[in-house]
Structure formats: C-alpha cells, structure tokens
Amino acid sequence: MKYLLVILLLVGCEDRYRYFCQDPKNFSVKRCQRPDCLFTQDCPDYLVAPVLEKPIVQPAQVSSEPIANPRGN
C-alpha cells in the first residue's frame, strides 16, 4: 500500500514554472521578448536567477574605523 502511494506521487511530478517566461522553452516567444515583456516585468532575465548567468559581484568592504566628527568638535 505504501509503495502504491509513493508511485502515484512520483507519477504526478513534472517540471513546472511559476511564470510563463521562466520556462527556457518559452524564451524565444514574442511575449517573453523585449519590449513586450517590460510592461509585465516577466522578461526571462528578470525571472531567471542572475547567479546562473552573470558572475557575482562582491560588495565593497566597509571600514570599521570610526567616522571623524564633521564639525571639528
């Protein structure tokens, strides 16, 4: 009985995307191309994690030194 439940759950699994233009098969559709996708903000470059496409830029290091008093007191 347990195995039947597991099999039924696995049969229902499939790749699903929350947004139409997030699916790589739809990247070339007119709806997912600029300027059409700009109004709805569902351009693929907005929806796909930028980490996968572009290198990660590290933020600048913050100095731990105290800031000088600007009034000179």
N, C-alpha and C. Protein backbone atom coordinates (compact mmCIF):
# COMPACT_ATOMS: atom_id res chain seq x y z
N MET A 1 0.82 -1.19 0.00
CA MET A 1 0.00 0.00 0.00
C MET A 1 0.87 1.26 0.00
N LYS A 2 1.93 1.26 0.82
CA LYS A 2 2.84 2.41 0.87
C LYS A 2 3.50 2.64 -0.49
N TYR A 3 3.88 1.54 -1.13
CA TYR A 3 4.57 1.65 -2.42
C TYR A 3 3.65 2.23 -3.48
N LEU A 4 2.40 1.88 -3.43
CA LEU A 4 1.43 2.40 -4.39
C LEU A 4 1.28 3.91 -4.23
N LEU A 5 1.23 4.38 -3.00
CA LEU A 5 1.13 5.80 -2.74
C LEU A 5 2.36 6.55 -3.25
N VAL A 6 3.54 6.00 -3.01
CA VAL A 6 4.78 6.62 -3.48
C VAL A 6 4.81 6.67 -5.00
N ILE A 7 4.40 5.61 -5.65
CA ILE A 7 4.38 5.57 -7.11
C ILE A 7 3.41 6.60 -7.67
N LEU A 8 2.25 6.72 -7.05
CA LEU A 8 1.26 7.70 -7.51
C LEU A 8 1.78 9.13 -7.34
N LEU A 9 2.48 9.39 -6.24
CA LEU A 9 3.04 10.72 -6.03
C LEU A 9 4.12 11.04 -7.04
N LEU A 10 4.95 10.05 -7.38
CA LEU A 10 6.03 10.28 -8.34
C LEU A 10 5.51 10.46 -9.76
N VAL A 11 4.42 9.80 -10.09
CA VAL A 11 3.84 9.94 -11.42
C VAL A 11 3.32 11.36 -11.62
N GLY A 12 2.87 11.99 -10.56
CA GLY A 12 2.34 13.35 -10.65
C GLY A 12 3.42 14.41 -10.72
N CYS A 13 4.68 14.04 -10.59
CA CYS A 13 5.77 15.03 -10.62
C CYS A 13 6.10 15.42 -12.05
N GLU A 14 6.26 16.70 -12.27
CA GLU A 14 6.71 17.21 -13.56
C GLU A 14 7.31 18.58 -13.35
N ASP A 15 8.09 19.04 -14.33
CA ASP A 15 8.69 20.37 -14.24
C ASP A 15 7.60 21.41 -14.45
N ARG A 16 7.50 22.31 -13.50
CA ARG A 16 6.54 23.40 -13.61
C ARG A 16 7.25 24.70 -13.29
N TYR A 17 6.86 25.73 -13.99
CA TYR A 17 7.43 27.05 -13.76
C TYR A 17 6.31 27.98 -13.31
N ARG A 18 6.63 28.84 -12.39
CA ARG A 18 5.63 29.75 -11.86
C ARG A 18 5.18 30.75 -12.92
N TYR A 19 6.10 31.20 -13.74
CA TYR A 19 5.81 32.19 -14.77
C TYR A 19 6.07 31.59 -16.15
N PHE A 20 5.28 32.02 -17.11
CA PHE A 20 5.39 31.52 -18.48
C PHE A 20 6.78 31.74 -19.05
N CYS A 21 7.32 32.93 -18.86
CA CYS A 21 8.62 33.28 -19.44
C CYS A 21 9.79 32.74 -18.63
N GLN A 22 9.53 32.06 -17.53
CA GLN A 22 10.60 31.46 -16.74
C GLN A 22 11.04 30.13 -17.35
N ASP A 23 10.18 29.52 -18.13
CA ASP A 23 10.47 28.24 -18.77
C ASP A 23 11.42 28.48 -19.95
N PRO A 24 12.58 27.83 -19.97
CA PRO A 24 13.54 28.04 -21.07
C PRO A 24 12.95 27.76 -22.46
N LYS A 25 11.93 26.92 -22.55
CA LYS A 25 11.31 26.65 -23.85
C LYS A 25 10.58 27.88 -24.40
N ASN A 26 10.23 28.81 -23.54
CA ASN A 26 9.46 29.98 -23.95
C ASN A 26 10.30 31.24 -24.11
N PHE A 27 11.60 31.16 -23.95
CA PHE A 27 12.45 32.35 -24.04
C PHE A 27 12.32 33.06 -25.39
N SER A 28 12.08 32.32 -26.46
CA SER A 28 12.02 32.92 -27.79
C SER A 28 10.63 33.38 -28.19
N VAL A 29 9.62 33.16 -27.36
CA VAL A 29 8.26 33.59 -27.65
C VAL A 29 8.19 35.11 -27.59
N LYS A 30 7.40 35.73 -28.48
CA LYS A 30 7.32 37.20 -28.56
C LYS A 30 6.92 37.80 -27.21
N ARG A 31 6.05 37.15 -26.49
CA ARG A 31 5.60 37.64 -25.19
C ARG A 31 6.75 37.77 -24.19
N CYS A 32 7.81 36.96 -24.38
CA CYS A 32 8.95 36.96 -23.46
C CYS A 32 10.13 37.79 -23.98
N GLN A 33 9.94 38.48 -25.07
CA GLN A 33 11.00 39.30 -25.66
C GLN A 33 10.73 40.77 -25.38
N ARG A 34 11.79 41.54 -25.29
CA ARG A 34 11.65 42.98 -25.11
C ARG A 34 11.15 43.59 -26.41
N PRO A 35 10.36 44.57 -26.43
CA PRO A 35 9.81 45.38 -25.35
C PRO A 35 8.52 44.82 -24.77
N ASP A 36 7.99 43.73 -25.32
CA ASP A 36 6.70 43.20 -24.86
C ASP A 36 6.71 42.79 -23.39
N CYS A 37 7.81 42.24 -22.91
CA CYS A 37 7.85 41.73 -21.54
C CYS A 37 8.16 42.81 -20.50
N LEU A 38 8.54 43.99 -20.94
CA LEU A 38 8.89 45.04 -19.99
C LEU A 38 7.69 45.53 -19.18
N PHE A 39 6.53 45.61 -19.79
CA PHE A 39 5.36 46.11 -19.08
C PHE A 39 4.95 45.17 -17.94
N THR A 40 4.98 43.89 -18.19
CA THR A 40 4.57 42.91 -17.17
C THR A 40 5.73 42.48 -16.29
N GLN A 41 6.94 42.92 -16.59
CA GLN A 41 8.14 42.57 -15.81
C GLN A 41 8.36 41.06 -15.77
N ASP A 42 8.01 40.35 -16.84
CA ASP A 42 8.26 38.91 -16.87
C ASP A 42 9.27 38.53 -17.95
N CYS A 43 10.23 39.41 -18.19
CA CYS A 43 11.33 39.09 -19.10
C CYS A 43 12.17 37.98 -18.47
N PRO A 44 12.69 37.06 -19.26
CA PRO A 44 13.47 35.95 -18.70
C PRO A 44 14.63 36.40 -17.83
N ASP A 45 15.28 37.53 -18.18
CA ASP A 45 16.41 37.97 -17.35
C ASP A 45 15.95 38.48 -15.99
N TYR A 46 14.68 38.83 -15.83
CA TYR A 46 14.14 39.18 -14.51
C TYR A 46 13.79 37.94 -13.71
N LEU A 47 13.36 36.89 -14.40
CA LEU A 47 12.82 35.71 -13.72
C LEU A 47 13.85 34.63 -13.42
N VAL A 48 14.88 34.55 -14.23
CA VAL A 48 15.91 33.52 -14.03
C VAL A 48 16.95 34.09 -13.08
N ALA A 49 17.39 33.29 -12.15
CA ALA A 49 18.37 33.75 -11.16
C ALA A 49 19.60 34.31 -11.85
N PRO A 50 19.96 35.55 -11.57
CA PRO A 50 21.13 36.15 -12.21
C PRO A 50 22.43 35.44 -11.84
N VAL A 51 22.43 34.69 -10.76
CA VAL A 51 23.63 33.96 -10.35
C VAL A 51 23.99 32.94 -11.43
N LEU A 52 23.01 32.41 -12.11
CA LEU A 52 23.27 31.40 -13.12
C LEU A 52 23.85 32.00 -14.39
N GLU A 53 23.59 33.26 -14.66
CA GLU A 53 24.01 33.87 -15.91
C GLU A 53 25.19 34.82 -15.79
N LYS A 54 25.30 35.51 -14.66
CA LYS A 54 26.31 36.55 -14.51
C LYS A 54 27.17 36.26 -13.29
N PRO A 55 28.43 36.69 -13.33
CA PRO A 55 29.27 36.49 -12.14
C PRO A 55 28.78 37.32 -10.97
N ILE A 56 28.99 36.82 -9.79
CA ILE A 56 28.57 37.52 -8.59
C ILE A 56 29.58 38.61 -8.27
N VAL A 57 29.09 39.83 -8.04
CA VAL A 57 29.95 40.95 -7.69
C VAL A 57 29.91 41.09 -6.18
N GLN A 58 31.08 41.02 -5.57
CA GLN A 58 31.16 41.15 -4.12
C GLN A 58 30.98 42.62 -3.73
N PRO A 59 30.22 42.89 -2.67
CA PRO A 59 30.07 44.29 -2.22
C PRO A 59 31.39 44.83 -1.68
N ALA A 60 31.52 46.15 -1.71
CA ALA A 60 32.74 46.79 -1.21
C ALA A 60 32.87 46.56 0.29
N GLN A 61 34.11 46.44 0.74
CA GLN A 61 34.37 46.25 2.17
C GLN A 61 34.05 47.53 2.92
N VAL A 62 33.40 47.40 4.06
CA VAL A 62 33.06 48.54 4.90
C VAL A 62 34.14 48.69 5.96
N SER A 63 34.66 49.91 6.10
CA SER A 63 35.70 50.17 7.07
C SER A 63 35.12 50.14 8.48
N SER A 64 35.88 49.60 9.42
CA SER A 64 35.42 49.54 10.80
C SER A 64 35.95 50.73 11.62
N GLU A 65 36.65 51.64 10.97
CA GLU A 65 37.18 52.81 11.66
C GLU A 65 36.05 53.80 11.93
N PRO A 66 36.07 54.50 13.07
CA PRO A 66 35.01 55.48 13.35
C PRO A 66 35.08 56.65 12.39
N ILE A 67 33.92 57.23 12.13
CA ILE A 67 33.84 58.38 11.23
C ILE A 67 34.23 59.64 12.01
N ALA A 68 35.07 60.46 11.39
CA ALA A 68 35.52 61.70 12.05
C ALA A 68 34.35 62.65 12.21
N ASN A 69 34.41 63.46 13.24
CA ASN A 69 33.36 64.44 13.50
C ASN A 69 33.44 65.53 12.43
N PRO A 70 32.37 65.71 11.60
CA PRO A 70 32.45 66.69 10.51
C PRO A 70 32.49 68.14 10.98
N ARG A 71 32.04 68.42 12.21
CA ARG A 71 32.02 69.81 12.70
C ARG A 71 33.34 70.18 13.39
N GLY A 72 34.21 69.23 13.60
CA GLY A 72 35.52 69.51 14.20
C GLY A 72 35.47 69.63 15.69
N ASN A 73 34.44 69.19 16.37
CA ASN A 73 34.35 69.26 17.83
C ASN A 73 35.11 68.15 18.49
